[in-house]
Amino acid sequence: METRAHYVLIGFFMLSVIFLTLMFALWLGSVEREYDEYDVIFRERVSGLSVGGTVLFNGINVGEVRDLNLAPNNPNEVIARVRVSKGTPIKTNTAAELELVGITGLVAIQFTGGSPNAALLKEASRERVPLIEARPSGIAQLLESSGNILEAAQRTLSPENTESVTNILNNIETITEGLAGDRDRISSIIKNVDETSANIAVITANLEKSSKRLDSILDEVDRLMASDISVAVNAFSNSAVEAELLMRDMRAVLEENRAALKDFSEQGLGQASAAIADSRRLMRTIDSILKEIERDPAKFFFGDTRPTYNKSR
């Protein structure tokens, strides 16, 4: 009876273990179904990304990296299998890229974008594990340029450049020692510069005062010029009016005497020419008479009064 009882206990224990194993498997399957898996393809270096790394969606932690492998047919590609929380809206136009996490050098996979009307990738893809092609990130460019930066730094720190820098520092030290020896002279120069600056400030103030005075004088001159010009303009206007009135009077006189002027120009002008010629002859005669009077007045008025002598005697 005791042997049969032990078999029953052993059988019950085995059945319990099998039942618990089945329940654990079902639970594990249900847990696995709470996640979605995707393969992210990178065509750049993924330094800093490791298994267990963080997967973000718009900055929110939604999963982790499950596996990292090189692509079987292309060693330049890296395939990262990620597991994200079920219901994460990975759309057909969602982008993936590497993103630096803090300053530790660790890298995370960042999902961004995806329009609201786009289909879910897991529903549109025919693959068991949907594929997402990552776009180039700034981290890869930084890693690629880091080598060039190191090479440039090595060239900068070459022995020749190091020697040049040492010579420069020695020259600076020599100049500093020389300046320290001429401290009194430098102090005197600084003092002279201060005095010169003060004099320049005084001159500037005087120039400013002179400029203000000159401005006031120019304003007064402008005012006087404006007043004189206005007076001259008024006088010119009055003169112009008077000249216009005089021209009108002259036109009126010419109109009234047009006939007389015409007769004078036709007849009187010839008579006037003859009278002028007679006048010229008369003036020449008078001129000759005056010259005779001036030369010998007595002879002109009394004749030749000198006595005559008889040569025969």
C-alpha atoms as a PDB file:
ATOM      1  CA  MET A   1       0.000   0.000   0.000  1.00  0.00           C
ATOM      2  CA  GLU A   2       2.841   2.392   0.847  1.00  0.00           C
ATOM      3  CA  THR A   3       4.612   1.684  -2.485  1.00  0.00           C
ATOM      4  CA  ARG A   4       1.426   2.378  -4.432  1.00  0.00           C
ATOM      5  CA  ALA A   5       0.981   5.667  -2.472  1.00  0.00           C
ATOM      6  CA  HIS A   6       4.494   6.836  -3.453  1.00  0.00           C
ATOM      7  CA  TYR A   7       3.726   6.246  -7.158  1.00  0.00           C
ATOM      8  CA  VAL A   8       0.605   8.313  -6.860  1.00  0.00           C
ATOM      9  CA  LEU A   9       2.553  11.218  -5.289  1.00  0.00           C
ATOM     10  CA  ILE A  10       5.259  11.013  -7.925  1.00  0.00           C
ATOM     11  CA  GLY A  11       2.686  10.954 -10.690  1.00  0.00           C
ATOM     12  CA  PHE A  12       0.851  13.921  -9.213  1.00  0.00           C
ATOM     13  CA  PHE A  13       4.102  15.856  -8.931  1.00  0.00           C
ATOM     14  CA  MET A  14       5.029  15.151 -12.542  1.00  0.00           C
ATOM     15  CA  LEU A  15       1.591  16.202 -13.747  1.00  0.00           C
ATOM     16  CA  SER A  16       1.913  19.440 -11.746  1.00  0.00           C
ATOM     17  CA  VAL A  17       5.303  20.192 -13.274  1.00  0.00           C
ATOM     18  CA  ILE A  18       3.987  19.554 -16.806  1.00  0.00           C
ATOM     19  CA  PHE A  19       0.980  21.754 -16.136  1.00  0.00           C
ATOM     20  CA  LEU A  20       3.114  24.576 -14.772  1.00  0.00           C
ATOM     21  CA  THR A  21       5.474  24.283 -17.743  1.00  0.00           C
ATOM     22  CA  LEU A  22       2.570  24.580 -20.150  1.00  0.00           C
ATOM     23  CA  MET A  23       1.203  27.568 -18.256  1.00  0.00           C
ATOM     24  CA  PHE A  24       4.642  29.254 -18.327  1.00  0.00           C
ATOM     25  CA  ALA A  25       4.934  28.680 -22.068  1.00  0.00           C
ATOM     26  CA  LEU A  26       1.494  30.154 -22.634  1.00  0.00           C
ATOM     27  CA  TRP A  27       2.398  33.147 -20.477  1.00  0.00           C
ATOM     28  CA  LEU A  28       5.692  33.622 -22.284  1.00  0.00           C
ATOM     29  CA  GLY A  29       3.877  33.468 -25.605  1.00  0.00           C
ATOM     30  CA  SER A  30       1.421  36.068 -24.460  1.00  0.00           C
ATOM     31  CA  VAL A  31       4.317  38.259 -23.300  1.00  0.00           C
ATOM     32  CA  GLU A  32       6.050  37.842 -26.650  1.00  0.00           C
ATOM     33  CA  ARG A  33       2.879  38.891 -28.401  1.00  0.00           C
ATOM     34  CA  GLU A  34       2.974  42.200 -26.503  1.00  0.00           C
ATOM     35  CA  TYR A  35       5.851  43.395 -28.753  1.00  0.00           C
ATOM     36  CA  ASP A  36       6.443  44.048 -32.463  1.00  0.00           C
ATOM     37  CA  GLU A  37       9.764  43.321 -34.154  1.00  0.00           C
ATOM     38  CA  TYR A  38      11.408  45.225 -37.005  1.00  0.00           C
ATOM     39  CA  ASP A  39      14.728  44.964 -38.848  1.00  0.00           C
ATOM     40  CA  VAL A  40      16.461  48.329 -39.273  1.00  0.00           C
ATOM     41  CA  ILE A  41      19.079  48.414 -42.050  1.00  0.00           C
ATOM     42  CA  PHE A  42      22.012  50.799 -41.627  1.00  0.00           C
ATOM     43  CA  ARG A  43      24.442  51.669 -44.425  1.00  0.00           C
ATOM     44  CA  GLU A  44      26.815  53.459 -42.078  1.00  0.00           C
ATOM     45  CA  ARG A  45      28.882  52.726 -39.032  1.00  0.00           C
ATOM     46  CA  VAL A  46      26.864  52.020 -35.893  1.00  0.00           C
ATOM     47  CA  SER A  47      29.613  52.639 -33.338  1.00  0.00           C
ATOM     48  CA  GLY A  48      28.072  52.993 -29.888  1.00  0.00           C
ATOM     49  CA  LEU A  49      25.003  50.861 -30.685  1.00  0.00           C
ATOM     50  CA  SER A  50      24.837  47.539 -28.864  1.00  0.00           C
ATOM     51  CA  VAL A  51      22.406  44.748 -28.027  1.00  0.00           C
ATOM     52  CA  GLY A  52      20.040  46.013 -25.366  1.00  0.00           C
ATOM     53  CA  GLY A  53      20.366  49.562 -26.653  1.00  0.00           C
ATOM     54  CA  THR A  54      17.465  51.959 -26.431  1.00  0.00           C
ATOM     55  CA  VAL A  55      14.868  52.378 -29.168  1.00  0.00           C
ATOM     56  CA  LEU A  56      13.067  55.740 -29.155  1.00  0.00           C
ATOM     57  CA  PHE A  57      10.039  57.099 -30.958  1.00  0.00           C
ATOM     58  CA  ASN A  58      10.017  60.906 -31.013  1.00  0.00           C
ATOM     59  CA  GLY A  59      12.168  60.825 -27.874  1.00  0.00           C
ATOM     60  CA  ILE A  60      10.015  58.275 -25.993  1.00  0.00           C
ATOM     61  CA  ASN A  61      11.497  54.918 -25.003  1.00  0.00           C
ATOM     62  CA  VAL A  62       9.443  52.260 -26.843  1.00  0.00           C
ATOM     63  CA  GLY A  63      11.761  49.223 -26.954  1.00  0.00           C
ATOM     64  CA  GLU A  64      15.271  47.844 -27.233  1.00  0.00           C
ATOM     65  CA  VAL A  65      17.765  46.349 -29.676  1.00  0.00           C
ATOM     66  CA  ARG A  66      17.523  42.538 -29.689  1.00  0.00           C
ATOM     67  CA  ASP A  67      20.258  41.673 -32.170  1.00  0.00           C
ATOM     68  CA  LEU A  68      23.016  43.241 -34.329  1.00  0.00           C
ATOM     69  CA  ASN A  69      24.420  41.478 -37.414  1.00  0.00           C
ATOM     70  CA  LEU A  70      26.057  42.227 -40.716  1.00  0.00           C
ATOM     71  CA  ALA A  71      23.880  41.688 -43.764  1.00  0.00           C
ATOM     72  CA  PRO A  72      24.594  38.270 -45.319  1.00  0.00           C
ATOM     73  CA  ASN A  73      24.982  39.589 -48.867  1.00  0.00           C
ATOM     74  CA  ASN A  74      26.509  43.029 -48.161  1.00  0.00           C
ATOM     75  CA  PRO A  75      29.137  43.563 -45.460  1.00  0.00           C
ATOM     76  CA  ASN A  76      28.592  47.345 -45.715  1.00  0.00           C
ATOM     77  CA  GLU A  77      25.115  46.962 -44.231  1.00  0.00           C
ATOM     78  CA  VAL A  78      24.212  46.375 -40.585  1.00  0.00           C
ATOM     79  CA  ILE A  79      20.868  44.864 -39.611  1.00  0.00           C
ATOM     80  CA  ALA A  80      19.576  45.732 -36.166  1.00  0.00           C
ATOM     81  CA  ARG A  81      16.542  43.777 -34.989  1.00  0.00           C
ATOM     82  CA  VAL A  82      14.529  45.874 -32.580  1.00  0.00           C
ATOM     83  CA  ARG A  83      11.573  45.035 -30.405  1.00  0.00           C
ATOM     84  CA  VAL A  84       9.083  47.826 -29.692  1.00  0.00           C
ATOM     85  CA  SER A  85       5.937  47.936 -27.592  1.00  0.00           C
ATOM     86  CA  LYS A  86       2.833  46.613 -29.290  1.00  0.00           C
ATOM     87  CA  GLY A  87       0.790  49.443 -30.763  1.00  0.00           C
ATOM     88  CA  THR A  88       3.781  51.700 -31.498  1.00  0.00           C
ATOM     89  CA  PRO A  89       2.668  53.545 -34.665  1.00  0.00           C
ATOM     90  CA  ILE A  90       5.484  52.561 -37.005  1.00  0.00           C
ATOM     91  CA  LYS A  91       4.085  53.737 -40.369  1.00  0.00           C
ATOM     92  CA  THR A  92       5.288  53.022 -43.884  1.00  0.00           C
ATOM     93  CA  ASN A  93       6.884  56.489 -44.009  1.00  0.00           C
ATOM     94  CA  THR A  94       8.401  56.413 -40.521  1.00  0.00           C
ATOM     95  CA  ALA A  95      12.135  57.198 -40.614  1.00  0.00           C
ATOM     96  CA  ALA A  96      14.874  55.669 -38.480  1.00  0.00           C
ATOM     97  CA  GLU A  97      18.291  57.077 -37.625  1.00  0.00           C
ATOM     98  CA  LEU A  98      21.025  56.909 -35.036  1.00  0.00           C
ATOM     99  CA  GLU A  99      21.003  59.406 -32.191  1.00  0.00           C
ATOM    100  CA  LEU A 100      23.642  60.111 -29.583  1.00  0.00           C
ATOM    101  CA  VAL A 101      22.449  59.607 -26.001  1.00  0.00           C
ATOM    102  CA  GLY A 102      24.030  62.124 -23.641  1.00  0.00           C
ATOM    103  CA  ILE A 103      27.828  62.398 -23.554  1.00  0.00           C
ATOM    104  CA  THR A 104      28.558  58.760 -22.764  1.00  0.00           C
ATOM    105  CA  GLY A 105      29.078  57.796 -26.399  1.00  0.00           C
ATOM    106  CA  LEU A 106      26.091  55.437 -26.391  1.00  0.00           C
ATOM    107  CA  VAL A 107      23.837  55.489 -29.425  1.00  0.00           C
ATOM    108  CA  ALA A 108      20.088  54.848 -29.676  1.00  0.00           C
ATOM    109  CA  ILE A 109      17.803  54.160 -32.610  1.00  0.00           C
ATOM    110  CA  GLN A 110      15.354  56.991 -33.087  1.00  0.00           C
ATOM    111  CA  PHE A 111      12.077  56.593 -35.019  1.00  0.00           C
ATOM    112  CA  THR A 112      10.545  59.832 -36.296  1.00  0.00           C
ATOM    113  CA  GLY A 113       7.734  60.970 -38.521  1.00  0.00           C
ATOM    114  CA  GLY A 114       4.931  59.043 -40.098  1.00  0.00           C
ATOM    115  CA  SER A 115       1.802  60.753 -41.413  1.00  0.00           C
ATOM    116  CA  PRO A 116      -1.509  59.982 -39.690  1.00  0.00           C
ATOM    117  CA  ASN A 117      -3.118  58.624 -42.870  1.00  0.00           C
ATOM    118  CA  ALA A 118      -0.226  56.275 -43.733  1.00  0.00           C
ATOM    119  CA  ALA A 119      -0.672  52.509 -43.224  1.00  0.00           C
ATOM    120  CA  LEU A 120       1.063  50.622 -40.433  1.00  0.00           C
ATOM    121  CA  LEU A 121       4.273  48.993 -41.622  1.00  0.00           C
ATOM    122  CA  LYS A 122       3.547  45.623 -40.001  1.00  0.00           C
ATOM    123  CA  GLU A 123       0.231  45.435 -41.875  1.00  0.00           C
ATOM    124  CA  ALA A 124       1.600  46.613 -45.231  1.00  0.00           C
ATOM    125  CA  SER A 125       4.797  44.555 -45.242  1.00  0.00           C
ATOM    126  CA  ARG A 126       4.897  41.043 -46.665  1.00  0.00           C
ATOM    127  CA  GLU A 127       7.967  40.135 -44.593  1.00  0.00           C
ATOM    128  CA  ARG A 128       7.617  38.233 -41.346  1.00  0.00           C
ATOM    129  CA  VAL A 129       9.776  40.917 -39.770  1.00  0.00           C
ATOM    130  CA  PRO A 130       9.222  44.256 -41.590  1.00  0.00           C
ATOM    131  CA  LEU A 131      12.303  46.095 -42.897  1.00  0.00           C
ATOM    132  CA  ILE A 132      13.081  49.782 -42.275  1.00  0.00           C
ATOM    133  CA  GLU A 133      15.938  51.504 -44.110  1.00  0.00           C
ATOM    134  CA  ALA A 134      17.651  54.006 -41.819  1.00  0.00           C
ATOM    135  CA  ARG A 135      18.638  57.387 -43.200  1.00  0.00           C
ATOM    136  CA  PRO A 136      22.130  58.837 -42.690  1.00  0.00           C
ATOM    137  CA  SER A 137      22.568  60.609 -39.392  1.00  0.00           C
ATOM    138  CA  GLY A 138      24.879  63.338 -38.157  1.00  0.00           C
ATOM    139  CA  ILE A 139      26.628  60.859 -35.884  1.00  0.00           C
ATOM    140  CA  ALA A 140      28.035  58.911 -38.834  1.00  0.00           C
ATOM    141  CA  GLN A 141      29.316  62.087 -40.423  1.00  0.00           C
ATOM    142  CA  LEU A 142      30.869  63.049 -37.110  1.00  0.00           C
ATOM    143  CA  LEU A 143      32.540  59.656 -36.785  1.00  0.00           C
ATOM    144  CA  GLU A 144      33.801  59.858 -40.366  1.00  0.00           C
ATOM    145  CA  SER A 145      35.186  63.342 -39.840  1.00  0.00           C
ATOM    146  CA  SER A 146      36.765  62.441 -36.495  1.00  0.00           C
ATOM    147  CA  GLY A 147      39.552  60.620 -38.336  1.00  0.00           C
ATOM    148  CA  ASN A 148      40.295  63.724 -40.392  1.00  0.00           C
ATOM    149  CA  ILE A 149      40.259  65.808 -37.247  1.00  0.00           C
ATOM    150  CA  LEU A 150      42.745  63.494 -35.561  1.00  0.00           C
ATOM    151  CA  GLU A 151      44.995  63.602 -38.626  1.00  0.00           C
ATOM    152  CA  ALA A 152      44.846  67.393 -38.656  1.00  0.00           C
ATOM    153  CA  ALA A 153      45.606  67.464 -34.927  1.00  0.00           C
ATOM    154  CA  GLN A 154      48.596  65.171 -35.471  1.00  0.00           C
ATOM    155  CA  ARG A 155      49.875  67.408 -38.257  1.00  0.00           C
ATOM    156  CA  THR A 156      49.396  70.433 -36.023  1.00  0.00           C
ATOM    157  CA  LEU A 157      51.330  68.770 -33.196  1.00  0.00           C
ATOM    158  CA  SER A 158      54.195  67.700 -35.439  1.00  0.00           C
ATOM    159  CA  PRO A 159      57.750  68.271 -34.141  1.00  0.00           C
ATOM    160  CA  GLU A 160      58.283  71.210 -36.504  1.00  0.00           C
ATOM    161  CA  ASN A 161      55.122  72.980 -35.332  1.00  0.00           C
ATOM    162  CA  THR A 162      55.926  72.172 -31.707  1.00  0.00           C
ATOM    163  CA  GLU A 163      59.345  73.748 -32.124  1.00  0.00           C
ATOM    164  CA  SER A 164      57.788  76.824 -33.746  1.00  0.00           C
ATOM    165  CA  VAL A 165      55.336  77.185 -30.863  1.00  0.00           C
ATOM    166  CA  THR A 166      58.215  76.845 -28.390  1.00  0.00           C
ATOM    167  CA  ASN A 167      60.132  79.602 -30.197  1.00  0.00           C
ATOM    168  CA  ILE A 168      57.069  81.831 -30.129  1.00  0.00           C
ATOM    169  CA  LEU A 169      56.674  81.286 -26.377  1.00  0.00           C
ATOM    170  CA  ASN A 170      60.375  82.052 -25.853  1.00  0.00           C
ATOM    171  CA  ASN A 171      60.029  85.269 -27.858  1.00  0.00           C
ATOM    172  CA  ILE A 172      56.996  86.267 -25.828  1.00  0.00           C
ATOM    173  CA  GLU A 173      58.913  85.613 -22.628  1.00  0.00           C
ATOM    174  CA  THR A 174      61.831  87.748 -23.897  1.00  0.00           C
ATOM    175  CA  ILE A 175      59.474  90.586 -24.804  1.00  0.00           C
ATOM    176  CA  THR A 176      57.824  90.331 -21.386  1.00  0.00           C
ATOM    177  CA  GLU A 177      61.181  90.560 -19.628  1.00  0.00           C
ATOM    178  CA  GLY A 178      62.099  93.586 -21.750  1.00  0.00           C
ATOM    179  CA  LEU A 179      58.839  95.288 -20.894  1.00  0.00           C
ATOM    180  CA  ALA A 180      59.405  94.572 -17.217  1.00  0.00           C
ATOM    181  CA  GLY A 181      62.842  96.250 -17.433  1.00  0.00           C
ATOM    182  CA  ASP A 182      61.340  99.369 -19.080  1.00  0.00           C
ATOM    183  CA  ARG A 183      58.518  99.647 -16.575  1.00  0.00           C
ATOM    184  CA  ASP A 184      59.320 103.286 -15.691  1.00  0.00           C
ATOM    185  CA  ARG A 185      59.513 104.267 -19.355  1.00  0.00           C
ATOM    186  CA  ILE A 186      56.241 102.548 -20.112  1.00  0.00           C
ATOM    187  CA  SER A 187      54.642 104.317 -17.148  1.00  0.00           C
ATOM    188  CA  SER A 188      55.915 107.648 -18.498  1.00  0.00           C
ATOM    189  CA  ILE A 189      54.537 106.834 -21.955  1.00  0.00           C
ATOM    190  CA  ILE A 190      51.167 105.907 -20.467  1.00  0.00           C
ATOM    191  CA  LYS A 191      51.154 109.154 -18.473  1.00  0.00           C
ATOM    192  CA  ASN A 192      51.930 111.155 -21.614  1.00  0.00           C
ATOM    193  CA  VAL A 193      49.170 109.347 -23.463  1.00  0.00           C
ATOM    194  CA  ASP A 194      46.753 110.227 -20.650  1.00  0.00           C
ATOM    195  CA  GLU A 195      47.780 113.891 -20.782  1.00  0.00           C
ATOM    196  CA  THR A 196      47.467 113.906 -24.561  1.00  0.00           C
ATOM    197  CA  SER A 197      44.026 112.340 -24.286  1.00  0.00           C
ATOM    198  CA  ALA A 198      43.006 115.044 -21.794  1.00  0.00           C
ATOM    199  CA  ASN A 199      44.287 117.780 -24.146  1.00  0.00           C
ATOM    200  CA  ILE A 200      42.446 116.200 -27.038  1.00  0.00           C
ATOM    201  CA  ALA A 201      39.285 116.169 -24.938  1.00  0.00           C
ATOM    202  CA  VAL A 202      39.699 119.909 -24.184  1.00  0.00           C
ATOM    203  CA  ILE A 203      40.352 120.682 -27.859  1.00  0.00           C
ATOM    204  CA  THR A 204      37.318 118.637 -28.827  1.00  0.00           C
ATOM    205  CA  ALA A 205      35.167 120.576 -26.356  1.00  0.00           C
ATOM    206  CA  ASN A 206      36.456 123.908 -27.727  1.00  0.00           C
ATOM    207  CA  LEU A 207      35.831 122.745 -31.269  1.00  0.00           C
ATOM    208  CA  GLU A 208      32.320 121.802 -30.306  1.00  0.00           C
ATOM    209  CA  LYS A 209      31.723 125.258 -28.814  1.00  0.00           C
ATOM    210  CA  SER A 210      33.213 126.908 -31.903  1.00  0.00           C
ATOM    211  CA  SER A 211      31.070 124.737 -34.108  1.00  0.00           C
ATOM    212  CA  LYS A 212      27.944 125.766 -32.220  1.00  0.00           C
ATOM    213  CA  ARG A 213      28.948 129.439 -32.495  1.00  0.00           C
ATOM    214  CA  LEU A 214      29.633 129.040 -36.202  1.00  0.00           C
ATOM    215  CA  ASP A 215      26.255 127.392 -36.649  1.00  0.00           C
ATOM    216  CA  SER A 216      24.549 130.332 -34.958  1.00  0.00           C
ATOM    217  CA  ILE A 217      26.479 132.812 -37.166  1.00  0.00           C
ATOM    218  CA  LEU A 218      25.548 130.870 -40.301  1.00  0.00           C
ATOM    219  CA  ASP A 219      21.920 130.820 -39.196  1.00  0.00           C
ATOM    220  CA  GLU A 220      22.000 134.612 -38.750  1.00  0.00           C
ATOM    221  CA  VAL A 221      23.662 135.042 -42.157  1.00  0.00           C
ATOM    222  CA  ASP A 222      21.029 132.805 -43.725  1.00  0.00           C
ATOM    223  CA  ARG A 223      18.316 134.886 -42.087  1.00  0.00           C
ATOM    224  CA  LEU A 224      19.834 138.173 -43.297  1.00  0.00           C
ATOM    225  CA  MET A 225      20.407 136.763 -46.766  1.00  0.00           C
ATOM    226  CA  ALA A 226      16.831 135.599 -46.902  1.00  0.00           C
ATOM    227  CA  SER A 227      15.534 139.028 -45.859  1.00  0.00           C
ATOM    228  CA  ASP A 228      17.870 140.923 -48.277  1.00  0.00           C
ATOM    229  CA  ILE A 229      16.996 138.603 -51.102  1.00  0.00           C
ATOM    230  CA  SER A 230      13.316 139.116 -50.465  1.00  0.00           C
ATOM    231  CA  VAL A 231      13.845 142.930 -50.490  1.00  0.00           C
ATOM    232  CA  ALA A 232      15.876 142.689 -53.712  1.00  0.00           C
ATOM    233  CA  VAL A 233      13.225 140.532 -55.286  1.00  0.00           C
ATOM    234  CA  ASN A 234      10.528 143.028 -54.341  1.00  0.00           C
ATOM    235  CA  ALA A 235      12.609 145.922 -55.739  1.00  0.00           C
ATOM    236  CA  PHE A 236      13.248 144.000 -58.948  1.00  0.00           C
ATOM    237  CA  SER A 237       9.553 143.258 -59.228  1.00  0.00           C
ATOM    238  CA  ASN A 238       8.729 146.970 -58.804  1.00  0.00           C
ATOM    239  CA  SER A 239      11.381 147.924 -61.380  1.00  0.00           C
ATOM    240  CA  ALA A 240      10.002 145.385 -63.788  1.00  0.00           C
ATOM    241  CA  VAL A 241       6.510 146.843 -63.332  1.00  0.00           C
ATOM    242  CA  GLU A 242       7.795 150.379 -63.916  1.00  0.00           C
ATOM    243  CA  ALA A 243       9.761 149.259 -66.981  1.00  0.00           C
ATOM    244  CA  GLU A 244       6.652 147.632 -68.359  1.00  0.00           C
ATOM    245  CA  LEU A 245       4.675 150.862 -67.810  1.00  0.00           C
ATOM    246  CA  LEU A 246       7.433 152.879 -69.546  1.00  0.00           C
ATOM    247  CA  MET A 247       7.423 150.525 -72.507  1.00  0.00           C
ATOM    248  CA  ARG A 248       3.685 150.907 -72.756  1.00  0.00           C
ATOM    249  CA  ASP A 249       4.018 154.741 -72.754  1.00  0.00           C
ATOM    250  CA  MET A 250       6.739 154.575 -75.405  1.00  0.00           C
ATOM    251  CA  ARG A 251       4.564 152.357 -77.569  1.00  0.00           C
ATOM    252  CA  ALA A 252       1.713 154.818 -77.163  1.00  0.00           C
ATOM    253  CA  VAL A 253       3.936 157.783 -78.145  1.00  0.00           C
ATOM    254  CA  LEU A 254       5.241 155.896 -81.182  1.00  0.00           C
ATOM    255  CA  GLU A 255       1.726 155.031 -82.235  1.00  0.00           C
ATOM    256  CA  GLU A 256       0.640 158.694 -81.928  1.00  0.00           C
ATOM    257  CA  ASN A 257       3.644 160.063 -83.896  1.00  0.00           C
ATOM    258  CA  ARG A 258       3.991 157.271 -86.408  1.00  0.00           C
ATOM    259  CA  ALA A 259       2.949 159.530 -89.337  1.00  0.00           C
ATOM    260  CA  ALA A 260       5.292 162.390 -88.321  1.00  0.00           C
ATOM    261  CA  LEU A 261       8.184 159.986 -87.889  1.00  0.00           C
ATOM    262  CA  LYS A 262       7.449 158.489 -91.300  1.00  0.00           C
ATOM    263  CA  ASP A 263       7.490 161.971 -92.941  1.00  0.00           C
ATOM    264  CA  PHE A 264      10.687 162.840 -91.101  1.00  0.00           C
ATOM    265  CA  SER A 265      12.357 159.649 -92.232  1.00  0.00           C
ATOM    266  CA  GLU A 266      11.297 160.224 -95.861  1.00  0.00           C
ATOM    267  CA  GLN A 267      11.845 164.031 -96.259  1.00  0.00           C
ATOM    268  CA  GLY A 268      13.261 165.622 -93.134  1.00  0.00           C
ATOM    269  CA  LEU A 269      16.124 163.150 -92.876  1.00  0.00           C
ATOM    270  CA  GLY A 270      17.630 164.409 -96.215  1.00  0.00           C
ATOM    271  CA  GLN A 271      17.235 168.054 -95.165  1.00  0.00           C
ATOM    272  CA  ALA A 272      18.777 167.254 -91.820  1.00  0.00           C
ATOM    273  CA  SER A 273      21.750 165.640 -93.590  1.00  0.00           C
ATOM    274  CA  ALA A 274      22.296 168.786 -95.699  1.00  0.00           C
ATOM    275  CA  ALA A 275      22.004 170.999 -92.611  1.00  0.00           C
ATOM    276  CA  ILE A 276      24.512 168.832 -90.824  1.00  0.00           C
ATOM    277  CA  ALA A 277      26.951 169.161 -93.779  1.00  0.00           C
ATOM    278  CA  ASP A 278      26.527 172.987 -93.788  1.00  0.00           C
ATOM    279  CA  SER A 279      27.063 172.983 -90.065  1.00  0.00           C
ATOM    280  CA  ARG A 280      30.309 171.015 -90.476  1.00  0.00           C
ATOM    281  CA  ARG A 281      31.567 173.560 -93.102  1.00  0.00           C
ATOM    282  CA  LEU A 282      30.615 176.429 -90.832  1.00  0.00           C
ATOM    283  CA  MET A 283      32.432 174.791 -87.936  1.00  0.00           C
ATOM    284  CA  ARG A 284      35.568 174.380 -90.059  1.00  0.00           C
ATOM    285  CA  THR A 285      35.384 178.046 -91.092  1.00  0.00           C
ATOM    286  CA  ILE A 286      34.923 179.181 -87.515  1.00  0.00           C
ATOM    287  CA  ASP A 287      37.789 176.924 -86.461  1.00  0.00           C
ATOM    288  CA  SER A 288      40.138 178.453 -89.053  1.00  0.00           C
ATOM    289  CA  ILE A 289      39.086 181.996 -88.013  1.00  0.00           C
ATOM    290  CA  LEU A 290      39.752 181.187 -84.392  1.00  0.00           C
ATOM    291  CA  LYS A 291      43.180 179.824 -85.279  1.00  0.00           C
ATOM    292  CA  GLU A 292      44.000 183.094 -87.199  1.00  0.00           C
ATOM    293  CA  ILE A 293      42.862 185.171 -84.246  1.00  0.00           C
ATOM    294  CA  GLU A 294      44.894 183.079 -81.859  1.00  0.00           C
ATOM    295  CA  ARG A 295      47.994 183.301 -84.086  1.00  0.00           C
ATOM    296  CA  ASP A 296      47.964 187.078 -84.665  1.00  0.00           C
ATOM    297  CA  PRO A 297      44.937 188.927 -83.242  1.00  0.00           C
ATOM    298  CA  ALA A 298      46.225 192.411 -84.222  1.00  0.00           C
ATOM    299  CA  LYS A 299      46.782 191.487 -87.803  1.00  0.00           C
ATOM    300  CA  PHE A 300      43.353 189.845 -87.951  1.00  0.00           C
ATOM    301  CA  PHE A 301      41.526 192.874 -86.592  1.00  0.00           C
ATOM    302  CA  PHE A 302      43.721 195.832 -87.783  1.00  0.00           C
ATOM    303  CA  GLY A 303      45.568 194.439 -90.740  1.00  0.00           C
ATOM    304  CA  ASP A 304      49.330 194.693 -91.405  1.00  0.00           C
ATOM    305  CA  THR A 305      50.471 197.906 -89.557  1.00  0.00           C
ATOM    306  CA  ARG A 306      54.234 197.451 -89.918  1.00  0.00           C
ATOM    307  CA  PRO A 307      56.062 200.419 -91.684  1.00  0.00           C
ATOM    308  CA  THR A 308      57.546 199.831 -95.126  1.00  0.00           C
ATOM    309  CA  TYR A 309      60.963 201.065 -96.231  1.00  0.00           C
ATOM    310  CA  ASN A 310      62.070 202.254 -99.657  1.00  0.00           C
ATOM    311  CA  LYS A 311      65.006 200.197-100.699  1.00  0.00           C
ATOM    312  CA  SER A 312      66.197 202.833-103.163  1.00  0.00           C
ATOM    313  CA  ARG A 313      67.188 205.053-100.352  1.00  0.00           C
END
